Every structure is written in C-alpha cells, then in structure tokens.
Amino acid sequence: MRWPLRIGLTGGIGCGKSTVAEQFSRLGVPVIDTDAIARELVEPGEPALQWIVTRFGEEMLLPDGSLDRAKLRKRVFGDQQARRDLERFLHPLIRAEMRERIRRTDAPYCILEIPLLLESKWTDEVDRILVVDAPPELQMERILQRGRLTRDESKQIIASQVDREQRLAAADDVITNDGDPGQLEKQVKQLHTRYQEIAR
C-alpha cells in the first residue's frame, strides 16, 4: 500500500497552526490533528483517563468525570518527571492512532498537525516539515487574547518549546503568519500546489 505524502505541520504556541490547518482542510486536504487524538484518548471511559487518575489522583477530574485539562497542564509543567511519565504513556497511543488515520487516507498528501513535532522527536513520522512562524510579540498577543493562560504560564510554555531559530532551521517549508489573512491564504495555496506536485 502506498502512503500519502506526510506533511508535519508545527510551530510555536500562538503562531497560528490551527488557522493554517483549517485552510488546508478547506482545500480538501485531510488534516490529522494529534491534539484532537490526545483529547479523544482521555475521554471518560477510556483507559488513558483511568491511567491519569491512577498516576496523578482523582483531583485531575472535573465533577462530571471528565479530565480537568488546566489542572493536568499545571501539574506536568511544574514537574519534569510527571511530564515524562505522561508523554511516555500517551505518545505511543497517539502515534498508533495517527498512523491508522494516515493508512485510511486516500488523498495524495495529508497534513499531520503535531505541535511538539520537534520536541517529541517525531520527525520520522513525516516526509516534510512545515513550520508556521510569527513574530514573538504577535505570538504572545494571540496567546493572551485567548484568555486561557496568564503571561507567566505563556512564557513557561514558550520556554519549554524548541526556540524559533531551531524550528526554522528544521523546516522544509515556512508559512509566515504575521496577521495578513490574504498573504496567509496565498502561501497555503502555493504550498498546496507544490505538495500535490511532489506527491505525484
């Protein structure tokens, strides 16, 4: 069986990966979002949620029995061992599901949205790396606009990610998302054409 061309979409928090993924999706490109897979794996009744409760305690659950993501994020960001344990458990499950979805794809190429592609060393899962880049001040502005994280939490997450220079050095392709929607769309369409050609 011939696999589609696998484009690994990554970028720092607040750079606009989801916006870019959405634009590729509108062009009919299958997008496999590893964050969405991770969310599905920890839904109530799933073995992964039970593992998290066993490892981190009942306080990781909301009153309705679902995972308190904010609490878990705070817990693992403050404790490297806890974070390693969580990744060691979840990552193989996410990879397996991602591969299964790639196998079911009949398009010439697909987008694999992997926020921590470089940090998790998942580069062997992709054929090309597409980095979405944004100026740092705009990146911070977008994170704070979402209202889910404080400035200190945002800085902590940015510090835990590969820095901008390393990310750009690892890229095969770069999309600059500096706030111009027209330019963003143009870049996505150009890459769409290019990826179709490469996939042939």
Protein backbone atom coordinates (compact mmCIF):
# COMPACT_ATOMS: atom_id res chain seq x y z
CA MET A 1 0.00 0.00 0.00
CA ARG A 2 1.29 3.47 -0.91
CA TRP A 3 1.09 6.01 1.91
CA PRO A 4 0.23 9.63 1.14
CA LEU A 5 2.92 12.31 1.38
CA ARG A 6 3.00 13.28 5.07
CA ILE A 7 3.44 16.97 5.86
CA GLY A 8 4.27 17.64 9.52
CA LEU A 9 2.68 20.96 10.49
CA THR A 10 4.23 22.57 13.56
CA GLY A 11 5.05 25.94 15.13
CA GLY A 12 5.24 27.65 18.49
CA ILE A 13 2.16 28.24 20.62
CA GLY A 14 0.17 31.20 19.24
CA CYS A 15 1.78 31.08 15.78
CA GLY A 16 -1.46 30.02 14.06
CA LYS A 17 -1.07 26.30 13.29
CA SER A 18 -4.82 25.69 13.62
CA THR A 19 -5.64 28.54 11.23
CA VAL A 20 -3.25 27.11 8.64
CA ALA A 21 -4.60 23.57 9.17
CA GLU A 22 -8.14 24.89 8.66
CA GLN A 23 -7.14 26.49 5.35
CA PHE A 24 -5.60 23.25 4.07
CA SER A 25 -8.76 21.44 5.17
CA ARG A 26 -10.89 23.89 3.15
CA LEU A 27 -8.83 22.91 0.08
CA GLY A 28 -9.89 19.30 0.65
CA VAL A 29 -6.66 18.14 2.29
CA PRO A 30 -7.06 15.58 5.11
CA VAL A 31 -5.78 17.07 8.39
CA ILE A 32 -4.86 14.70 11.22
CA ASP A 33 -4.68 16.68 14.47
CA THR A 34 -2.66 14.93 17.19
CA ASP A 35 -4.08 17.23 19.90
CA ALA A 36 -7.59 16.13 18.91
CA ILE A 37 -6.47 12.48 19.07
CA ALA A 38 -5.00 13.10 22.54
CA ARG A 39 -8.32 14.63 23.69
CA GLU A 40 -10.26 11.61 22.38
CA LEU A 41 -7.93 9.19 24.18
CA VAL A 42 -8.67 10.76 27.58
CA GLU A 43 -12.46 10.94 27.32
CA PRO A 44 -14.50 9.40 30.18
CA GLY A 45 -14.46 5.61 29.95
CA GLU A 46 -11.16 5.48 28.06
CA PRO A 47 -8.26 3.51 29.63
CA ALA A 48 -5.91 6.50 29.28
CA LEU A 49 -8.10 8.60 31.60
CA GLN A 50 -8.02 5.86 34.21
CA TRP A 51 -4.22 5.76 33.93
CA ILE A 52 -4.04 9.55 34.54
CA VAL A 53 -6.27 9.24 37.63
CA THR A 54 -4.12 6.38 38.98
CA ARG A 55 -0.89 8.33 38.37
CA PHE A 56 -1.97 11.86 39.36
CA GLY A 57 -5.03 11.40 41.56
CA GLU A 58 -8.81 11.89 41.48
CA GLU A 59 -8.33 15.67 41.66
CA MET A 60 -7.49 15.59 37.94
CA LEU A 61 -11.22 15.02 37.25
CA LEU A 62 -13.96 17.61 36.91
CA PRO A 63 -17.29 16.98 38.73
CA ASP A 64 -18.74 15.40 35.55
CA GLY A 65 -15.93 12.81 35.44
CA SER A 66 -14.06 14.38 32.52
CA LEU A 67 -10.41 15.42 32.64
CA ASP A 68 -9.53 18.79 34.14
CA ARG A 69 -7.04 19.75 31.41
CA ALA A 70 -5.98 23.01 33.04
CA LYS A 71 -5.14 21.21 36.29
CA LEU A 72 -3.22 18.45 34.50
CA ARG A 73 -1.30 21.03 32.44
CA LYS A 74 -0.27 22.90 35.60
CA ARG A 75 0.75 19.64 37.26
CA VAL A 76 3.01 18.40 34.45
CA PHE A 77 4.52 21.78 33.61
CA GLY A 78 5.75 22.10 37.18
CA ASP A 79 7.21 18.59 37.34
CA GLN A 80 9.51 17.19 34.64
CA GLN A 81 9.17 13.59 35.82
CA ALA A 82 5.36 13.83 35.75
CA ARG A 83 5.52 15.24 32.23
CA ARG A 84 7.87 12.47 31.06
CA ASP A 85 5.58 9.81 32.56
CA LEU A 86 2.53 11.29 30.83
CA GLU A 87 4.31 11.54 27.46
CA ARG A 88 5.76 8.02 27.79
CA PHE A 89 2.24 6.67 28.27
CA LEU A 90 0.26 8.81 25.81
CA HIS A 91 2.65 9.30 22.89
CA PRO A 92 2.69 5.66 21.66
CA LEU A 93 -1.14 5.65 21.73
CA ILE A 94 -1.32 8.93 19.79
CA ARG A 95 1.25 7.70 17.23
CA ALA A 96 -0.63 4.43 16.68
CA GLU A 97 -3.95 6.23 16.08
CA MET A 98 -2.27 8.81 13.83
CA ARG A 99 -0.72 6.06 11.68
CA GLU A 100 -4.08 4.31 11.42
CA ARG A 101 -5.69 7.53 10.15
CA ILE A 102 -2.86 8.04 7.63
CA ARG A 103 -3.42 4.49 6.39
CA ARG A 104 -7.10 5.27 5.78
CA THR A 105 -6.25 8.41 3.77
CA ASP A 106 -6.66 8.15 0.00
CA ALA A 107 -5.56 11.73 -0.84
CA PRO A 108 -2.15 12.42 -2.48
CA TYR A 109 -0.96 14.10 0.72
CA CYS A 110 -2.12 14.81 4.25
CA ILE A 111 -1.31 17.34 6.96
CA LEU A 112 -0.23 15.98 10.33
CA GLU A 113 -0.77 18.74 12.87
CA ILE A 114 1.85 17.96 15.53
CA PRO A 115 2.51 20.97 17.81
CA LEU A 116 5.52 19.32 19.50
CA LEU A 117 6.89 17.61 16.38
CA LEU A 118 10.50 18.63 17.09
CA GLU A 119 10.34 18.49 20.89
CA SER A 120 8.92 14.96 20.84
CA LYS A 121 11.35 13.88 18.09
CA TRP A 122 8.55 12.65 15.81
CA THR A 123 10.31 13.76 12.62
CA ASP A 124 10.50 10.11 11.47
CA GLU A 125 6.69 10.22 11.11
CA VAL A 126 6.74 12.89 8.39
CA ASP A 127 8.18 13.43 4.90
CA ARG A 128 8.38 17.22 5.13
CA ILE A 129 8.26 19.73 7.98
CA LEU A 130 6.05 22.80 7.55
CA VAL A 131 6.64 25.48 10.18
CA VAL A 132 4.13 28.26 10.86
CA ASP A 133 6.12 31.24 12.09
CA ALA A 134 5.05 34.53 13.70
CA PRO A 135 6.90 37.45 15.32
CA PRO A 136 7.31 36.75 19.09
CA GLU A 137 5.34 39.84 20.19
CA LEU A 138 2.39 38.82 17.99
CA GLN A 139 2.67 35.24 19.27
CA MET A 140 2.33 36.45 22.89
CA GLU A 141 -0.54 38.80 21.99
CA ARG A 142 -2.51 35.91 20.42
CA ILE A 143 -1.95 33.61 23.40
CA LEU A 144 -3.18 36.25 25.86
CA GLN A 145 -6.20 37.10 23.66
CA ARG A 146 -7.42 33.51 24.01
CA GLY A 147 -7.68 34.17 27.74
CA ARG A 148 -6.79 30.64 28.84
CA LEU A 149 -3.26 31.37 30.06
CA THR A 150 -1.56 34.10 32.07
CA ARG A 151 1.55 35.86 30.72
CA ASP A 152 3.76 33.79 33.09
CA GLU A 153 2.16 30.50 32.00
CA SER A 154 2.56 31.54 28.36
CA LYS A 155 6.25 32.31 28.89
CA GLN A 156 6.70 28.94 30.63
CA ILE A 157 5.17 27.08 27.65
CA ILE A 158 7.22 29.07 25.11
CA ALA A 159 10.39 28.30 27.12
CA SER A 160 9.55 24.57 27.11
CA GLN A 161 9.32 24.53 23.29
CA VAL A 162 12.14 24.44 20.75
CA ASP A 163 13.22 28.03 20.09
CA ARG A 164 12.25 29.88 16.93
CA GLU A 165 15.70 29.62 15.28
CA GLN A 166 15.88 25.83 15.77
CA ARG A 167 12.35 25.41 14.45
CA LEU A 168 13.08 27.44 11.32
CA ALA A 169 16.36 25.58 10.78
CA ALA A 170 14.47 22.25 10.80
CA ALA A 171 11.80 23.45 8.33
CA ASP A 172 11.46 22.29 4.74
CA ASP A 173 8.75 24.92 4.24
CA VAL A 174 7.75 28.02 6.22
CA ILE A 175 4.48 29.93 6.35
CA THR A 176 4.74 33.42 7.84
CA ASN A 177 1.58 34.23 9.79
CA ASP A 178 2.05 37.89 10.67
CA GLY A 179 -1.59 38.92 10.64
CA ASP A 180 -2.30 39.41 6.92
CA PRO A 181 -5.13 36.93 6.05
CA GLY A 182 -4.70 37.42 2.30
CA GLN A 183 -1.00 36.63 2.43
CA LEU A 184 -1.64 33.60 4.63
CA GLU A 185 -4.18 32.19 2.18
CA LYS A 186 -1.82 32.81 -0.74
CA GLN A 187 1.03 30.93 0.99
CA VAL A 188 -1.24 27.97 1.79
CA LYS A 189 -2.48 27.74 -1.82
CA GLN A 190 1.08 27.89 -3.19
CA LEU A 191 2.17 25.05 -0.90
CA HIS A 192 -0.96 23.06 -1.73
CA THR A 193 0.01 23.13 -5.42
CA ARG A 194 3.61 22.25 -4.58
CA TYR A 195 2.67 19.33 -2.31
CA GLN A 196 0.36 17.91 -4.98
CA GLU A 197 3.26 18.02 -7.44
CA ILE A 198 5.66 16.35 -5.01
CA ALA A 199 3.08 13.67 -4.16
CA ARG A 200 2.77 12.77 -7.85
